C-alpha atoms as a PDB file:
ATOM      1  CA  MET A   1     106.440 167.253  66.568  1.00  0.00           C
ATOM      2  CA  LYS A   2     103.058 168.958  66.778  1.00  0.00           C
ATOM      3  CA  ILE A   3     102.939 172.621  67.696  1.00  0.00           C
ATOM      4  CA  ILE A   4     100.574 173.084  70.604  1.00  0.00           C
ATOM      5  CA  THR A   5      97.903 175.753  70.268  1.00  0.00           C
ATOM      6  CA  VAL A   6      96.183 177.824  72.939  1.00  0.00           C
ATOM      7  CA  ALA A   7      93.082 175.689  72.349  1.00  0.00           C
ATOM      8  CA  ASP A   8      95.171 172.560  73.034  1.00  0.00           C
ATOM      9  CA  VAL A   9      96.476 174.065  76.265  1.00  0.00           C
ATOM     10  CA  ARG A  10      92.964 174.983  77.410  1.00  0.00           C
ATOM     11  CA  ALA A  11      91.726 171.485  76.549  1.00  0.00           C
ATOM     12  CA  LEU A  12      94.424 170.020  78.802  1.00  0.00           C
ATOM     13  CA  LEU A  13      93.589 172.378  81.686  1.00  0.00           C
ATOM     14  CA  THR A  14      89.783 172.249  81.429  1.00  0.00           C
ATOM     15  CA  PRO A  15      89.270 168.863  83.151  1.00  0.00           C
ATOM     16  CA  LEU A  16      91.375 169.901  86.150  1.00  0.00           C
ATOM     17  CA  ASN A  17      89.591 170.920  89.333  1.00  0.00           C
ATOM     18  CA  LEU A  18      90.905 173.648  91.642  1.00  0.00           C
ATOM     19  CA  ALA A  19      92.850 171.195  93.811  1.00  0.00           C
ATOM     20  CA  GLN A  20      94.549 169.814  90.709  1.00  0.00           C
ATOM     21  CA  LEU A  21      95.306 173.321  89.442  1.00  0.00           C
ATOM     22  CA  ASP A  22      96.798 174.109  92.842  1.00  0.00           C
ATOM     23  CA  ARG A  23      99.015 171.025  92.640  1.00  0.00           C
ATOM     24  CA  LEU A  24     100.032 171.933  89.094  1.00  0.00           C
ATOM     25  CA  SER A  25     100.879 175.414  90.329  1.00  0.00           C
ATOM     26  CA  THR A  26     103.100 173.980  93.043  1.00  0.00           C
ATOM     27  CA  LEU A  27     104.879 171.605  90.664  1.00  0.00           C
ATOM     28  CA  SER A  28     105.396 174.110  87.865  1.00  0.00           C
ATOM     29  CA  GLY A  29     105.927 177.389  89.668  1.00  0.00           C
ATOM     30  CA  VAL A  30     103.123 179.019  87.663  1.00  0.00           C
ATOM     31  CA  SER A  31     100.567 180.775  89.859  1.00  0.00           C
ATOM     32  CA  ILE A  32      97.165 179.174  90.226  1.00  0.00           C
ATOM     33  CA  HIS A  33      95.700 182.512  89.184  1.00  0.00           C
ATOM     34  CA  ALA A  34      97.591 182.375  85.872  1.00  0.00           C
ATOM     35  CA  LEU A  35      96.590 178.741  85.284  1.00  0.00           C
ATOM     36  CA  TYR A  36      92.934 179.542  86.019  1.00  0.00           C
ATOM     37  CA  LYS A  37      92.968 182.526  83.644  1.00  0.00           C
ATOM     38  CA  ILE A  38      94.482 180.422  80.868  1.00  0.00           C
ATOM     39  CA  ARG A  39      91.909 177.671  81.465  1.00  0.00           C
ATOM     40  CA  GLN A  40      89.022 180.153  81.397  1.00  0.00           C
ATOM     41  CA  GLY A  41      90.271 181.893  78.255  1.00  0.00           C
ATOM     42  CA  GLN A  42      90.935 185.178  80.058  1.00  0.00           C
ATOM     43  CA  THR A  43      94.569 184.969  78.944  1.00  0.00           C
ATOM     44  CA  ALA A  44      94.279 184.935  75.186  1.00  0.00           C
ATOM     45  CA  ASP A  45      97.915 184.167  74.419  1.00  0.00           C
ATOM     46  CA  PRO A  46      99.908 182.699  77.307  1.00  0.00           C
ATOM     47  CA  GLY A  47     103.658 183.010  76.918  1.00  0.00           C
ATOM     48  CA  ILE A  48     105.713 180.067  75.778  1.00  0.00           C
ATOM     49  CA  GLY A  49     107.764 180.286  78.966  1.00  0.00           C
ATOM     50  CA  THR A  50     104.652 179.960  81.105  1.00  0.00           C
ATOM     51  CA  VAL A  51     103.237 177.069  79.095  1.00  0.00           C
ATOM     52  CA  GLY A  52     106.645 175.408  79.051  1.00  0.00           C
ATOM     53  CA  LYS A  53     106.697 175.384  82.850  1.00  0.00           C
ATOM     54  CA  PHE A  54     103.420 173.520  83.351  1.00  0.00           C
ATOM     55  CA  LEU A  55     102.882 171.544  80.153  1.00  0.00           C
ATOM     56  CA  PRO A  56     105.308 168.707  80.986  1.00  0.00           C
ATOM     57  CA  HIS A  57     103.501 168.125  84.300  1.00  0.00           C
ATOM     58  CA  VAL A  58     100.072 168.028  82.616  1.00  0.00           C
ATOM     59  CA  ARG A  59     101.303 165.641  79.941  1.00  0.00           C
ATOM     60  CA  GLU A  60     102.901 163.339  82.505  1.00  0.00           C
ATOM     61  CA  ALA A  61      99.703 163.227  84.574  1.00  0.00           C
ATOM     62  CA  LYS A  62      97.667 162.485  81.452  1.00  0.00           C
ATOM     63  CA  ARG A  63     100.098 159.715  80.471  1.00  0.00           C
ATOM     64  CA  ARG A  64      99.862 158.155  83.927  1.00  0.00           C
ATOM     65  CA  ARG A  65      96.049 158.198  83.828  1.00  0.00           C
ATOM     66  CA  SER A  66      96.039 156.431  80.471  1.00  0.00           C
ATOM     67  CA  VAL A  67      98.476 153.776  81.736  1.00  0.00           C
ATOM     68  CA  PHE A  68      96.229 153.076  84.731  1.00  0.00           C
ATOM     69  CA  ALA A  69      93.119 153.005  82.542  1.00  0.00           C
ATOM     70  CA  ALA A  70      94.768 150.537  80.179  1.00  0.00           C
ATOM     71  CA  ALA A  71      95.680 148.346  83.142  1.00  0.00           C
ATOM     72  CA  GLY A  72      92.055 148.361  84.323  1.00  0.00           C
ATOM     73  CA  ARG A  73      92.672 150.404  87.457  1.00  0.00           C
END
């Protein structure tokens, strides 16, 4: 299992627009402000508890996008 770095986390959050960050905030319970600061690099070292709340939702969304892309949708 690969250990995720802060750079990895930012790379996952960077493509998300504000509406998507808002949805992620709602799903994960992490404030949109915190997500935005992590994405922008203003939070240099987000806590593992914070990342653990939103990371599964980001990974699931990414997995779903790749499934649809593979299906030609």
